Amino acid sequence: MTDSTAPLLLDLTAFDEDDDSWTDLGQLTLGADGLLAVTAITAPQASARIEEFVKLTNDKPGLHMDAEPAPGSPQFAVASRFVARGEPDFLAALQDYADKYYGWTLEPRV
């Protein structure tokens, strides 16, 4: 996650391939405990999917993210590693999960 224990506000967006534009879906808050909360939904049509994403993600003890295969692994081997809530890489794993399974980007608000 981050070094701070303060909640982190994340902008949630989706890329629309039909018109090559980004759609603002809303904002989520990543708490110090690693749990997500819906802060705002700006795309009502995505409301149910956003709520589902938050619930399913919060129900998991952590997430998997891509990792380098172990030395000596066969060519083109695929590997992942588990990242628990509170670990430094949890935000990166969350961003990867949102992109891979929902086609969304989660970026910390500056």
C-alpha atoms as a PDB file:
ATOM      1  CA  MET A   1       0.000   0.000   0.000  1.00  0.00           C
ATOM      2  CA  THR A   2       1.695   3.190   1.102  1.00  0.00           C
ATOM      3  CA  ASP A   3       3.804   4.092   4.092  1.00  0.00           C
ATOM      4  CA  SER A   4       0.978   6.190   5.489  1.00  0.00           C
ATOM      5  CA  THR A   5      -1.824   4.840   7.626  1.00  0.00           C
ATOM      6  CA  ALA A   6      -4.172   7.510   6.282  1.00  0.00           C
ATOM      7  CA  PRO A   7      -6.954   6.408   3.921  1.00  0.00           C
ATOM      8  CA  LEU A   8      -6.104   6.801   0.248  1.00  0.00           C
ATOM      9  CA  LEU A   9      -8.611   8.276  -2.224  1.00  0.00           C
ATOM     10  CA  LEU A  10      -8.551   6.444  -5.571  1.00  0.00           C
ATOM     11  CA  ASP A  11     -10.026   7.682  -8.852  1.00  0.00           C
ATOM     12  CA  LEU A  12     -11.803   4.888 -10.719  1.00  0.00           C
ATOM     13  CA  THR A  13     -11.926   5.122 -14.524  1.00  0.00           C
ATOM     14  CA  ALA A  14     -12.647   2.887 -17.503  1.00  0.00           C
ATOM     15  CA  PHE A  15     -11.440   3.153 -21.083  1.00  0.00           C
ATOM     16  CA  ASP A  16     -14.164   3.095 -23.742  1.00  0.00           C
ATOM     17  CA  GLU A  17     -12.713   1.497 -26.870  1.00  0.00           C
ATOM     18  CA  ASP A  18     -15.746   2.556 -28.947  1.00  0.00           C
ATOM     19  CA  ASP A  19     -14.825   6.240 -28.814  1.00  0.00           C
ATOM     20  CA  ASP A  20     -11.255   6.106 -27.425  1.00  0.00           C
ATOM     21  CA  SER A  21     -12.175   8.019 -24.286  1.00  0.00           C
ATOM     22  CA  TRP A  22     -11.894   7.590 -20.528  1.00  0.00           C
ATOM     23  CA  THR A  23     -15.030   7.451 -18.394  1.00  0.00           C
ATOM     24  CA  ASP A  24     -14.896   8.610 -14.799  1.00  0.00           C
ATOM     25  CA  LEU A  25     -16.713   5.967 -12.735  1.00  0.00           C
ATOM     26  CA  GLY A  26     -16.182   7.481  -9.299  1.00  0.00           C
ATOM     27  CA  GLN A  27     -13.900   7.337  -6.312  1.00  0.00           C
ATOM     28  CA  LEU A  28     -13.038   4.628  -3.832  1.00  0.00           C
ATOM     29  CA  THR A  29     -11.236   4.932  -0.530  1.00  0.00           C
ATOM     30  CA  LEU A  30      -8.590   2.414   0.434  1.00  0.00           C
ATOM     31  CA  GLY A  31      -8.478   2.391   4.221  1.00  0.00           C
ATOM     32  CA  ALA A  32      -5.448   1.811   6.397  1.00  0.00           C
ATOM     33  CA  ASP A  33      -6.862  -1.684   6.982  1.00  0.00           C
ATOM     34  CA  GLY A  34      -6.649  -2.403   3.232  1.00  0.00           C
ATOM     35  CA  LEU A  35     -10.421  -2.423   2.766  1.00  0.00           C
ATOM     36  CA  LEU A  36     -12.183  -0.481   0.031  1.00  0.00           C
ATOM     37  CA  ALA A  37     -15.181   1.795   0.456  1.00  0.00           C
ATOM     38  CA  VAL A  38     -17.231   3.553  -2.187  1.00  0.00           C
ATOM     39  CA  THR A  39     -16.720   7.296  -1.816  1.00  0.00           C
ATOM     40  CA  ALA A  40     -18.593   8.476  -4.905  1.00  0.00           C
ATOM     41  CA  ILE A  41     -20.151   6.971  -8.012  1.00  0.00           C
ATOM     42  CA  THR A  42     -20.242   9.303 -11.005  1.00  0.00           C
ATOM     43  CA  ALA A  43     -21.454   6.729 -13.532  1.00  0.00           C
ATOM     44  CA  PRO A  44     -24.797   5.416 -12.239  1.00  0.00           C
ATOM     45  CA  GLN A  45     -24.877   2.726 -14.942  1.00  0.00           C
ATOM     46  CA  ALA A  46     -21.804   1.159 -13.323  1.00  0.00           C
ATOM     47  CA  SER A  47     -23.086   1.406  -9.748  1.00  0.00           C
ATOM     48  CA  ALA A  48     -23.939  -2.283  -9.270  1.00  0.00           C
ATOM     49  CA  ARG A  49     -20.646  -3.429 -10.778  1.00  0.00           C
ATOM     50  CA  ILE A  50     -18.638  -1.023  -8.606  1.00  0.00           C
ATOM     51  CA  GLU A  51     -20.446  -2.203  -5.468  1.00  0.00           C
ATOM     52  CA  GLU A  52     -19.801  -5.818  -6.508  1.00  0.00           C
ATOM     53  CA  PHE A  53     -16.100  -5.085  -7.073  1.00  0.00           C
ATOM     54  CA  VAL A  54     -15.768  -3.536  -3.613  1.00  0.00           C
ATOM     55  CA  LYS A  55     -17.617  -6.399  -1.904  1.00  0.00           C
ATOM     56  CA  LEU A  56     -15.729  -9.175  -3.705  1.00  0.00           C
ATOM     57  CA  THR A  57     -12.378  -7.487  -3.180  1.00  0.00           C
ATOM     58  CA  ASN A  58     -13.028  -6.852   0.510  1.00  0.00           C
ATOM     59  CA  ASP A  59     -14.067 -10.489   0.994  1.00  0.00           C
ATOM     60  CA  LYS A  60     -10.599 -11.645  -0.068  1.00  0.00           C
ATOM     61  CA  PRO A  61      -7.741 -11.842   2.458  1.00  0.00           C
ATOM     62  CA  GLY A  62      -5.419 -10.453  -0.229  1.00  0.00           C
ATOM     63  CA  LEU A  63      -4.808 -10.545  -3.967  1.00  0.00           C
ATOM     64  CA  HIS A  64      -2.473 -12.287  -6.369  1.00  0.00           C
ATOM     65  CA  MET A  65      -0.237 -10.372  -8.713  1.00  0.00           C
ATOM     66  CA  ASP A  66       2.105 -11.437 -11.482  1.00  0.00           C
ATOM     67  CA  ALA A  67       5.596 -12.412 -10.395  1.00  0.00           C
ATOM     68  CA  GLU A  68       8.782 -13.588 -12.020  1.00  0.00           C
ATOM     69  CA  PRO A  69       8.875 -17.365 -12.453  1.00  0.00           C
ATOM     70  CA  ALA A  70      11.371 -19.199 -10.269  1.00  0.00           C
ATOM     71  CA  PRO A  71      14.839 -19.721 -11.714  1.00  0.00           C
ATOM     72  CA  GLY A  72      14.919 -22.840 -13.858  1.00  0.00           C
ATOM     73  CA  SER A  73      11.191 -22.630 -14.714  1.00  0.00           C
ATOM     74  CA  PRO A  74      10.207 -23.690 -18.216  1.00  0.00           C
ATOM     75  CA  GLN A  75      10.202 -21.022 -20.897  1.00  0.00           C
ATOM     76  CA  PHE A  76       6.926 -19.015 -20.886  1.00  0.00           C
ATOM     77  CA  ALA A  77       6.092 -20.168 -17.349  1.00  0.00           C
ATOM     78  CA  VAL A  78       3.570 -17.965 -15.564  1.00  0.00           C
ATOM     79  CA  ALA A  79       3.824 -17.201 -11.866  1.00  0.00           C
ATOM     80  CA  SER A  80       1.993 -15.121  -9.306  1.00  0.00           C
ATOM     81  CA  ARG A  81       2.425 -14.251  -5.680  1.00  0.00           C
ATOM     82  CA  PHE A  82      -0.053 -13.566  -2.915  1.00  0.00           C
ATOM     83  CA  VAL A  83      -0.121 -10.019  -1.530  1.00  0.00           C
ATOM     84  CA  ALA A  84      -1.916  -9.636   1.795  1.00  0.00           C
ATOM     85  CA  ARG A  85      -3.667  -6.461   2.868  1.00  0.00           C
ATOM     86  CA  GLY A  86      -1.227  -4.059   4.459  1.00  0.00           C
ATOM     87  CA  GLU A  87       1.763  -5.260   2.448  1.00  0.00           C
ATOM     88  CA  PRO A  88       3.607  -2.515   0.537  1.00  0.00           C
ATOM     89  CA  ASP A  89       2.566  -3.991  -2.850  1.00  0.00           C
ATOM     90  CA  PHE A  90      -1.140  -4.251  -2.009  1.00  0.00           C
ATOM     91  CA  LEU A  91      -2.095  -1.098  -3.946  1.00  0.00           C
ATOM     92  CA  ALA A  92      -0.231  -2.383  -7.020  1.00  0.00           C
ATOM     93  CA  ALA A  93      -1.986  -5.762  -6.680  1.00  0.00           C
ATOM     94  CA  LEU A  94      -5.343  -3.988  -6.352  1.00  0.00           C
ATOM     95  CA  GLN A  95      -4.655  -1.882  -9.445  1.00  0.00           C
ATOM     96  CA  ASP A  96      -3.630  -4.996 -11.373  1.00  0.00           C
ATOM     97  CA  TYR A  97      -6.762  -6.859 -10.241  1.00  0.00           C
ATOM     98  CA  ALA A  98      -9.070  -3.978 -11.245  1.00  0.00           C
ATOM     99  CA  ASP A  99      -7.456  -3.770 -14.666  1.00  0.00           C
ATOM    100  CA  LYS A 100      -7.268  -7.501 -15.332  1.00  0.00           C
ATOM    101  CA  TYR A 101     -10.796  -8.463 -14.252  1.00  0.00           C
ATOM    102  CA  TYR A 102     -12.789  -5.262 -14.742  1.00  0.00           C
ATOM    103  CA  GLY A 103     -10.840  -3.200 -17.284  1.00  0.00           C
ATOM    104  CA  TRP A 104     -10.638  -0.323 -14.789  1.00  0.00           C
ATOM    105  CA  THR A 105      -7.831   1.895 -13.608  1.00  0.00           C
ATOM    106  CA  LEU A 106      -7.435   2.913  -9.974  1.00  0.00           C
ATOM    107  CA  GLU A 107      -5.155   5.888  -9.459  1.00  0.00           C
ATOM    108  CA  PRO A 108      -4.400   7.706  -6.216  1.00  0.00           C
ATOM    109  CA  ARG A 109      -5.875  11.194  -6.241  1.00  0.00           C
ATOM    110  CA  VAL A 110      -3.223  13.889  -6.068  1.00  0.00           C
END
